[in-house]
Amino acid sequence: MTDRNELAVLAEEAAEALLRAITTAAPKSASTDGVLHLAQAYALVVAAEPGRAPQPPISRD
């Protein structure tokens, strides 16, 4: 079974990968939809990390 430390490491790695994807996709994107989906996934991963405040979901409104 995975412990909290391993989950924290996995969450950090996922957050870093999503942030790289956002910074790579944003300048090339013709539409904001894909970038917003990546940003929302990033916010959800960061919110799952222990010790960090939850982030609100990103919406178009």
PDB file of N, CA and C in Angstrom:
ATOM      1  N   MET A   1       0.843  -1.187   0.000  1.00  0.00           N
ATOM      2  CA  MET A   1       0.000   0.000   0.000  1.00  0.00           C
ATOM      3  C   MET A   1       0.884   1.244   0.000  1.00  0.00           C
ATOM      4  N   THR A   2       0.496   2.227  -0.736  1.00  0.00           N
ATOM      5  CA  THR A   2       1.262   3.456  -0.858  1.00  0.00           C
ATOM      6  C   THR A   2       1.033   4.336   0.364  1.00  0.00           C
ATOM      7  N   ASP A   3       2.126   4.872   0.916  1.00  0.00           N
ATOM      8  CA  ASP A   3       1.959   5.748   2.086  1.00  0.00           C
ATOM      9  C   ASP A   3       1.839   7.204   1.646  1.00  0.00           C
ATOM     10  N   ARG A   4       1.554   8.071   2.616  1.00  0.00           N
ATOM     11  CA  ARG A   4       1.325   9.499   2.314  1.00  0.00           C
ATOM     12  C   ARG A   4       2.551  10.162   1.706  1.00  0.00           C
ATOM     13  N   ASN A   5       3.748   9.755   2.105  1.00  0.00           N
ATOM     14  CA  ASN A   5       4.959  10.359   1.533  1.00  0.00           C
ATOM     15  C   ASN A   5       5.084  10.029   0.049  1.00  0.00           C
ATOM     16  N   GLU A   6       4.790   8.774  -0.304  1.00  0.00           N
ATOM     17  CA  GLU A   6       4.843   8.387  -1.712  1.00  0.00           C
ATOM     18  C   GLU A   6       3.779   9.126  -2.518  1.00  0.00           C
ATOM     19  N   LEU A   7       2.593   9.268  -1.942  1.00  0.00           N
ATOM     20  CA  LEU A   7       1.537  10.008  -2.623  1.00  0.00           C
ATOM     21  C   LEU A   7       1.912  11.473  -2.807  1.00  0.00           C
ATOM     22  N   ALA A   8       2.556  12.049  -1.806  1.00  0.00           N
ATOM     23  CA  ALA A   8       2.987  13.441  -1.913  1.00  0.00           C
ATOM     24  C   ALA A   8       4.006  13.605  -3.036  1.00  0.00           C
ATOM     25  N   VAL A   9       4.925  12.653  -3.145  1.00  0.00           N
ATOM     26  CA  VAL A   9       5.929  12.701  -4.213  1.00  0.00           C
ATOM     27  C   VAL A   9       5.257  12.564  -5.577  1.00  0.00           C
ATOM     28  N   LEU A  10       4.319  11.627  -5.695  1.00  0.00           N
ATOM     29  CA  LEU A  10       3.601  11.451  -6.962  1.00  0.00           C
ATOM     30  C   LEU A  10       2.791  12.692  -7.328  1.00  0.00           C
ATOM     31  N   ALA A  11       2.155  13.308  -6.349  1.00  0.00           N
ATOM     32  CA  ALA A  11       1.387  14.531  -6.607  1.00  0.00           C
ATOM     33  C   ALA A  11       2.302  15.656  -7.071  1.00  0.00           C
ATOM     34  N   GLU A  12       3.457  15.764  -6.447  1.00  0.00           N
ATOM     35  CA  GLU A  12       4.422  16.806  -6.847  1.00  0.00           C
ATOM     36  C   GLU A  12       4.912  16.574  -8.275  1.00  0.00           C
ATOM     37  N   GLU A  13       5.201  15.326  -8.615  1.00  0.00           N
ATOM     38  CA  GLU A  13       5.644  15.007  -9.974  1.00  0.00           C
ATOM     39  C   GLU A  13       4.544  15.300 -10.993  1.00  0.00           C
ATOM     40  N   ALA A  14       3.317  14.953 -10.649  1.00  0.00           N
ATOM     41  CA  ALA A  14       2.195  15.232 -11.550  1.00  0.00           C
ATOM     42  C   ALA A  14       2.004  16.734 -11.732  1.00  0.00           C
ATOM     43  N   ALA A  15       2.115  17.491 -10.644  1.00  0.00           N
ATOM     44  CA  ALA A  15       1.969  18.946 -10.727  1.00  0.00           C
ATOM     45  C   ALA A  15       3.054  19.545 -11.618  1.00  0.00           C
ATOM     46  N   GLU A  16       4.276  19.078 -11.463  1.00  0.00           N
ATOM     47  CA  GLU A  16       5.371  19.588 -12.288  1.00  0.00           C
ATOM     48  C   GLU A  16       5.144  19.265 -13.766  1.00  0.00           C
ATOM     49  N   ALA A  17       4.696  18.041 -14.055  1.00  0.00           N
ATOM     50  CA  ALA A  17       4.446  17.649 -15.447  1.00  0.00           C
ATOM     51  C   ALA A  17       3.307  18.471 -16.055  1.00  0.00           C
ATOM     52  N   LEU A  18       2.257  18.695 -15.285  1.00  0.00           N
ATOM     53  CA  LEU A  18       1.148  19.510 -15.789  1.00  0.00           C
ATOM     54  C   LEU A  18       1.574  20.954 -16.017  1.00  0.00           C
ATOM     55  N   LEU A  19       2.366  21.491 -15.112  1.00  0.00           N
ATOM     56  CA  LEU A  19       2.837  22.867 -15.281  1.00  0.00           C
ATOM     57  C   LEU A  19       3.707  22.995 -16.534  1.00  0.00           C
ATOM     58  N   ARG A  20       4.552  21.995 -16.781  1.00  0.00           N
ATOM     59  CA  ARG A  20       5.359  22.001 -18.019  1.00  0.00           C
ATOM     60  C   ARG A  20       4.440  21.933 -19.241  1.00  0.00           C
ATOM     61  N   ALA A  21       3.409  21.100 -19.172  1.00  0.00           N
ATOM     62  CA  ALA A  21       2.475  20.990 -20.302  1.00  0.00           C
ATOM     63  C   ALA A  21       1.749  22.301 -20.545  1.00  0.00           C
ATOM     64  N   ILE A  22       1.370  22.990 -19.474  1.00  0.00           N
ATOM     65  CA  ILE A  22       0.681  24.282 -19.609  1.00  0.00           C
ATOM     66  C   ILE A  22       1.593  25.301 -20.266  1.00  0.00           C
ATOM     67  N   THR A  23       2.815  25.415 -19.785  1.00  0.00           N
ATOM     68  CA  THR A  23       3.724  26.426 -20.330  1.00  0.00           C
ATOM     69  C   THR A  23       4.138  26.106 -21.762  1.00  0.00           C
ATOM     70  N   THR A  24       4.123  24.840 -22.135  1.00  0.00           N
ATOM     71  CA  THR A  24       4.435  24.455 -23.509  1.00  0.00           C
ATOM     72  C   THR A  24       3.247  24.697 -24.434  1.00  0.00           C
ATOM     73  N   ALA A  25       2.036  24.361 -23.955  1.00  0.00           N
ATOM     74  CA  ALA A  25       0.846  24.446 -24.801  1.00  0.00           C
ATOM     75  C   ALA A  25       0.320  25.866 -24.955  1.00  0.00           C
ATOM     76  N   ALA A  26       0.431  26.678 -23.929  1.00  0.00           N
ATOM     77  CA  ALA A  26      -0.187  28.005 -23.948  1.00  0.00           C
ATOM     78  C   ALA A  26       0.254  28.867 -25.134  1.00  0.00           C
ATOM     79  N   PRO A  27       1.541  29.004 -25.397  1.00  0.00           N
ATOM     80  CA  PRO A  27       1.932  29.882 -26.514  1.00  0.00           C
ATOM     81  C   PRO A  27       1.500  29.358 -27.890  1.00  0.00           C
ATOM     82  N   LYS A  28       1.335  28.043 -28.029  1.00  0.00           N
ATOM     83  CA  LYS A  28       1.017  27.446 -29.326  1.00  0.00           C
ATOM     84  C   LYS A  28      -0.480  27.239 -29.537  1.00  0.00           C
ATOM     85  N   SER A  29      -1.259  27.364 -28.479  1.00  0.00           N
ATOM     86  CA  SER A  29      -2.674  27.013 -28.539  1.00  0.00           C
ATOM     87  C   SER A  29      -3.485  28.053 -29.301  1.00  0.00           C
ATOM     88  N   ALA A  30      -4.315  27.555 -30.218  1.00  0.00           N
ATOM     89  CA  ALA A  30      -5.230  28.440 -30.939  1.00  0.00           C
ATOM     90  C   ALA A  30      -6.524  28.621 -30.154  1.00  0.00           C
ATOM     91  N   SER A  31      -6.735  27.754 -29.175  1.00  0.00           N
ATOM     92  CA  SER A  31      -7.932  27.786 -28.349  1.00  0.00           C
ATOM     93  C   SER A  31      -7.508  27.712 -26.888  1.00  0.00           C
ATOM     94  N   THR A  32      -8.272  28.363 -26.041  1.00  0.00           N
ATOM     95  CA  THR A  32      -7.939  28.329 -24.617  1.00  0.00           C
ATOM     96  C   THR A  32      -8.467  27.086 -23.914  1.00  0.00           C
ATOM     97  N   ASP A  33      -9.351  26.325 -24.560  1.00  0.00           N
ATOM     98  CA  ASP A  33      -9.962  25.167 -23.918  1.00  0.00           C
ATOM     99  C   ASP A  33      -8.934  24.162 -23.400  1.00  0.00           C
ATOM    100  N   GLY A  34      -8.012  23.776 -24.229  1.00  0.00           N
ATOM    101  CA  GLY A  34      -7.015  22.789 -23.819  1.00  0.00           C
ATOM    102  C   GLY A  34      -6.156  23.282 -22.671  1.00  0.00           C
ATOM    103  N   VAL A  35      -5.749  24.537 -22.745  1.00  0.00           N
ATOM    104  CA  VAL A  35      -4.928  25.113 -21.684  1.00  0.00           C
ATOM    105  C   VAL A  35      -5.724  25.199 -20.383  1.00  0.00           C
ATOM    106  N   LEU A  36      -6.998  25.562 -20.476  1.00  0.00           N
ATOM    107  CA  LEU A  36      -7.835  25.624 -19.276  1.00  0.00           C
ATOM    108  C   LEU A  36      -8.024  24.245 -18.651  1.00  0.00           C
ATOM    109  N   HIS A  37      -8.154  23.215 -19.466  1.00  0.00           N
ATOM    110  CA  HIS A  37      -8.283  21.858 -18.940  1.00  0.00           C
ATOM    111  C   HIS A  37      -7.005  21.441 -18.217  1.00  0.00           C
ATOM    112  N   LEU A  38      -5.859  21.748 -18.797  1.00  0.00           N
ATOM    113  CA  LEU A  38      -4.587  21.439 -18.135  1.00  0.00           C
ATOM    114  C   LEU A  38      -4.453  22.215 -16.826  1.00  0.00           C
ATOM    115  N   ALA A  39      -4.841  23.483 -16.853  1.00  0.00           N
ATOM    116  CA  ALA A  39      -4.752  24.306 -15.647  1.00  0.00           C
ATOM    117  C   ALA A  39      -5.688  23.793 -14.557  1.00  0.00           C
ATOM    118  N   GLN A  40      -6.858  23.339 -14.944  1.00  0.00           N
ATOM    119  CA  GLN A  40      -7.787  22.790 -13.957  1.00  0.00           C
ATOM    120  C   GLN A  40      -7.237  21.492 -13.371  1.00  0.00           C
ATOM    121  N   ALA A  41      -6.648  20.652 -14.199  1.00  0.00           N
ATOM    122  CA  ALA A  41      -6.031  19.426 -13.696  1.00  0.00           C
ATOM    123  C   ALA A  41      -4.896  19.760 -12.741  1.00  0.00           C
ATOM    124  N   TYR A  42      -4.104  20.782 -13.082  1.00  0.00           N
ATOM    125  CA  TYR A  42      -3.021  21.220 -12.199  1.00  0.00           C
ATOM    126  C   TYR A  42      -3.576  21.667 -10.845  1.00  0.00           C
ATOM    127  N   ALA A  43      -4.651  22.455 -10.873  1.00  0.00           N
ATOM    128  CA  ALA A  43      -5.249  22.941  -9.630  1.00  0.00           C
ATOM    129  C   ALA A  43      -5.751  21.782  -8.776  1.00  0.00           C
ATOM    130  N   LEU A  44      -6.340  20.775  -9.406  1.00  0.00           N
ATOM    131  CA  LEU A  44      -6.828  19.622  -8.654  1.00  0.00           C
ATOM    132  C   LEU A  44      -5.683  18.831  -8.032  1.00  0.00           C
ATOM    133  N   VAL A  45      -4.593  18.663  -8.770  1.00  0.00           N
ATOM    134  CA  VAL A  45      -3.442  17.929  -8.230  1.00  0.00           C
ATOM    135  C   VAL A  45      -2.823  18.704  -7.080  1.00  0.00           C
ATOM    136  N   VAL A  46      -2.652  20.003  -7.240  1.00  0.00           N
ATOM    137  CA  VAL A  46      -2.059  20.819  -6.184  1.00  0.00           C
ATOM    138  C   VAL A  46      -2.951  20.809  -4.950  1.00  0.00           C
ATOM    139  N   ALA A  47      -4.261  20.834  -5.152  1.00  0.00           N
ATOM    140  CA  ALA A  47      -5.189  20.804  -4.024  1.00  0.00           C
ATOM    141  C   ALA A  47      -5.093  19.487  -3.265  1.00  0.00           C
ATOM    142  N   ALA A  48      -4.670  18.429  -3.919  1.00  0.00           N
ATOM    143  CA  ALA A  48      -4.567  17.124  -3.278  1.00  0.00           C
ATOM    144  C   ALA A  48      -3.280  16.977  -2.466  1.00  0.00           C
ATOM    145  N   GLU A  49      -2.346  17.886  -2.651  1.00  0.00           N
ATOM    146  CA  GLU A  49      -1.086  17.783  -1.927  1.00  0.00           C
ATOM    147  C   GLU A  49      -1.267  18.180  -0.470  1.00  0.00           C
ATOM    148  N   PRO A  50      -0.697  17.403   0.430  1.00  0.00           N
ATOM    149  CA  PRO A  50      -0.813  17.738   1.857  1.00  0.00           C
ATOM    150  C   PRO A  50      -0.165  19.084   2.166  1.00  0.00           C
ATOM    151  N   GLY A  51      -0.812  19.851   3.015  1.00  0.00           N
ATOM    152  CA  GLY A  51      -0.243  21.123   3.444  1.00  0.00           C
ATOM    153  C   GLY A  51      -0.520  22.292   2.516  1.00  0.00           C
ATOM    154  N   ARG A  52      -1.228  22.069   1.446  1.00  0.00           N
ATOM    155  CA  ARG A  52      -1.546  23.157   0.520  1.00  0.00           C
ATOM    156  C   ARG A  52      -3.035  23.449   0.580  1.00  0.00           C
ATOM    157  N   ALA A  53      -3.366  24.699   0.465  1.00  0.00           N
ATOM    158  CA  ALA A  53      -4.775  25.096   0.482  1.00  0.00           C
ATOM    159  C   ALA A  53      -5.450  24.639  -0.808  1.00  0.00           C
ATOM    160  N   PRO A  54      -6.711  24.225  -0.740  1.00  0.00           N
ATOM    161  CA  PRO A  54      -7.432  23.825  -1.959  1.00  0.00           C
ATOM    162  C   PRO A  54      -7.577  24.991  -2.937  1.00  0.00           C
ATOM    163  N   GLN A  55      -7.481  24.673  -4.211  1.00  0.00           N
ATOM    164  CA  GLN A  55      -7.637  25.685  -5.262  1.00  0.00           C
ATOM    165  C   GLN A  55      -9.029  25.566  -5.855  1.00  0.00           C
ATOM    166  N   PRO A  56      -9.673  26.685  -6.146  1.00  0.00           N
ATOM    167  CA  PRO A  56     -10.995  26.600  -6.769  1.00  0.00           C
ATOM    168  C   PRO A  56     -10.870  26.119  -8.212  1.00  0.00           C
ATOM    169  N   PRO A  57     -11.886  25.441  -8.733  1.00  0.00           N
ATOM    170  CA  PRO A  57     -11.850  25.021 -10.145  1.00  0.00           C
ATOM    171  C   PRO A  57     -11.835  26.232 -11.070  1.00  0.00           C
ATOM    172  N   ILE A  58     -11.241  26.068 -12.213  1.00  0.00           N
ATOM    173  CA  ILE A  58     -11.159  27.140 -13.200  1.00  0.00           C
ATOM    174  C   ILE A  58     -12.391  27.044 -14.095  1.00  0.00           C
ATOM    175  N   SER A  59     -13.041  28.157 -14.315  1.00  0.00           N
ATOM    176  CA  SER A  59     -14.210  28.162 -15.198  1.00  0.00           C
ATOM    177  C   SER A  59     -14.082  29.313 -16.180  1.00  0.00           C
ATOM    178  N   ARG A  60     -14.904  29.301 -17.191  1.00  0.00           N
ATOM    179  CA  ARG A  60     -14.875  30.354 -18.201  1.00  0.00           C
ATOM    180  C   ARG A  60     -15.559  31.628 -17.700  1.00  0.00           C
ATOM    181  N   ASP A  61     -16.341  31.519 -16.652  1.00  0.00           N
ATOM    182  CA  ASP A  61     -17.101  32.675 -16.139  1.00  0.00           C
ATOM    183  C   ASP A  61     -16.248  33.633 -15.367  1.00  0.00           C
TER     184      ASP A  61
END
